[in-house]
């Protein structure tokens, strides 16, 4: 008995097939034959794209808000590390304060 592996498709490929199906220029069977997938799969990808299309425009514009609690901690740790490096370099080079 031979084992056949499932085909895996990239997200870009699925989107391309679904968009082609939404256009409606070709039949689902023609699209399936052209891209080498089952017609049922074309229909499923088309349905998924139609359901999820509205979520593409949900995101607000602009930069993501920074987490205010994490930023000071990160900065203070960076200051501490740099101060330790500076003290070590001063000690090694013989420069006194």
Protein backbone atom coordinates (compact mmCIF):
# COMPACT_ATOMS: atom_id res chain seq x y z
CA UNK A 1 0.00 0.00 0.00
CA UNK A 2 1.55 3.29 -1.03
CA UNK A 3 1.43 6.29 1.22
CA UNK A 4 0.42 9.47 -0.51
CA UNK A 5 1.33 12.75 1.12
CA UNK A 6 -1.16 15.55 1.31
CA UNK A 7 -0.51 18.58 -0.77
CA UNK A 8 0.13 21.74 1.19
CA UNK A 9 -0.57 25.09 -0.33
CA UNK A 10 0.77 28.49 0.62
CA UNK A 11 -1.52 31.25 1.81
CA UNK A 12 -0.69 33.26 -1.30
CA UNK A 13 -1.74 30.37 -3.53
CA UNK A 14 -5.03 29.93 -1.65
CA UNK A 15 -5.77 33.64 -1.92
CA UNK A 16 -5.00 33.61 -5.64
CA UNK A 17 -7.37 30.69 -6.24
CA UNK A 18 -10.10 32.21 -4.05
CA UNK A 19 -9.87 35.58 -5.78
CA UNK A 20 -10.10 33.86 -9.14
CA UNK A 21 -13.25 32.10 -7.94
CA UNK A 22 -14.77 35.34 -6.64
CA UNK A 23 -14.19 37.09 -9.96
CA UNK A 24 -16.59 34.62 -11.55
CA UNK A 25 -15.00 34.72 -15.00
CA UNK A 26 -14.36 30.96 -14.98
CA UNK A 27 -16.33 28.11 -13.46
CA UNK A 28 -15.16 26.45 -10.27
CA UNK A 29 -14.28 23.33 -12.25
CA UNK A 30 -12.12 25.32 -14.68
CA UNK A 31 -10.31 27.05 -11.84
CA UNK A 32 -9.75 23.74 -10.04
CA UNK A 33 -8.34 22.14 -13.17
CA UNK A 34 -6.11 25.14 -13.90
CA UNK A 35 -4.60 25.22 -10.41
CA UNK A 36 -4.60 21.48 -9.78
CA UNK A 37 -6.92 21.40 -6.77
CA UNK A 38 -10.29 19.82 -6.08
CA UNK A 39 -13.36 21.91 -6.92
CA UNK A 40 -14.65 21.51 -3.36
CA UNK A 41 -11.41 23.05 -2.08
CA UNK A 42 -11.84 26.02 -4.41
CA UNK A 43 -15.32 26.58 -3.01
CA UNK A 44 -14.07 26.32 0.58
CA UNK A 45 -11.29 28.85 0.00
CA UNK A 46 -13.73 31.21 -1.74
CA UNK A 47 -16.17 30.98 1.17
CA UNK A 48 -13.39 31.54 3.71
CA UNK A 49 -12.13 34.60 1.85
CA UNK A 50 -15.62 36.09 1.70
CA UNK A 51 -16.16 35.49 5.44
CA UNK A 52 -12.78 36.87 6.51
CA UNK A 53 -12.54 39.81 4.09
CA UNK A 54 -14.13 42.27 6.51
CA UNK A 55 -11.48 41.56 9.15
CA UNK A 56 -8.81 42.90 6.81
CA UNK A 57 -10.08 46.42 7.39
CA UNK A 58 -10.63 46.18 11.16
CA UNK A 59 -7.14 47.31 12.14
CA UNK A 60 -6.67 50.94 13.08
CA UNK A 61 -4.17 53.07 11.23
CA UNK A 62 -0.96 54.31 12.72
CA UNK A 63 1.78 52.74 14.79
CA UNK A 64 1.01 50.13 17.38
CA UNK A 65 0.76 51.57 20.89
CA UNK A 66 3.82 50.83 23.00
CA UNK A 67 3.37 49.04 26.30
CA UNK A 68 4.06 51.81 28.85
CA UNK A 69 4.94 49.45 31.72
CA UNK A 70 7.63 47.54 29.81
CA UNK A 71 9.47 50.52 28.36
CA UNK A 72 10.89 52.10 31.59
CA UNK A 73 12.03 48.73 32.91
CA UNK A 74 13.85 47.99 29.66
CA UNK A 75 15.44 51.42 29.61
CA UNK A 76 16.58 51.24 33.23
CA UNK A 77 18.15 47.83 32.65
CA UNK A 78 19.94 49.19 29.57
CA UNK A 79 21.22 52.19 31.60
CA UNK A 80 22.49 49.85 34.31
CA UNK A 81 24.27 47.62 31.83
CA UNK A 82 25.91 50.57 30.08
CA UNK A 83 27.01 52.10 33.41
CA UNK A 84 28.64 48.82 34.42
CA UNK A 85 30.47 48.64 31.07
CA UNK A 86 31.63 52.24 31.43
CA UNK A 87 32.92 51.65 34.98
CA UNK A 88 34.75 48.52 33.85
CA UNK A 89 36.34 50.36 30.91
CA UNK A 90 37.43 53.23 33.14
CA UNK A 91 38.98 50.80 35.59
CA UNK A 92 40.84 48.92 32.84
CA UNK A 93 42.10 52.04 31.13
CA UNK A 94 43.29 53.70 34.35
CA UNK A 95 41.09 56.78 34.04
CA UNK A 96 40.01 58.06 37.45
CA UNK A 97 36.76 59.84 38.07
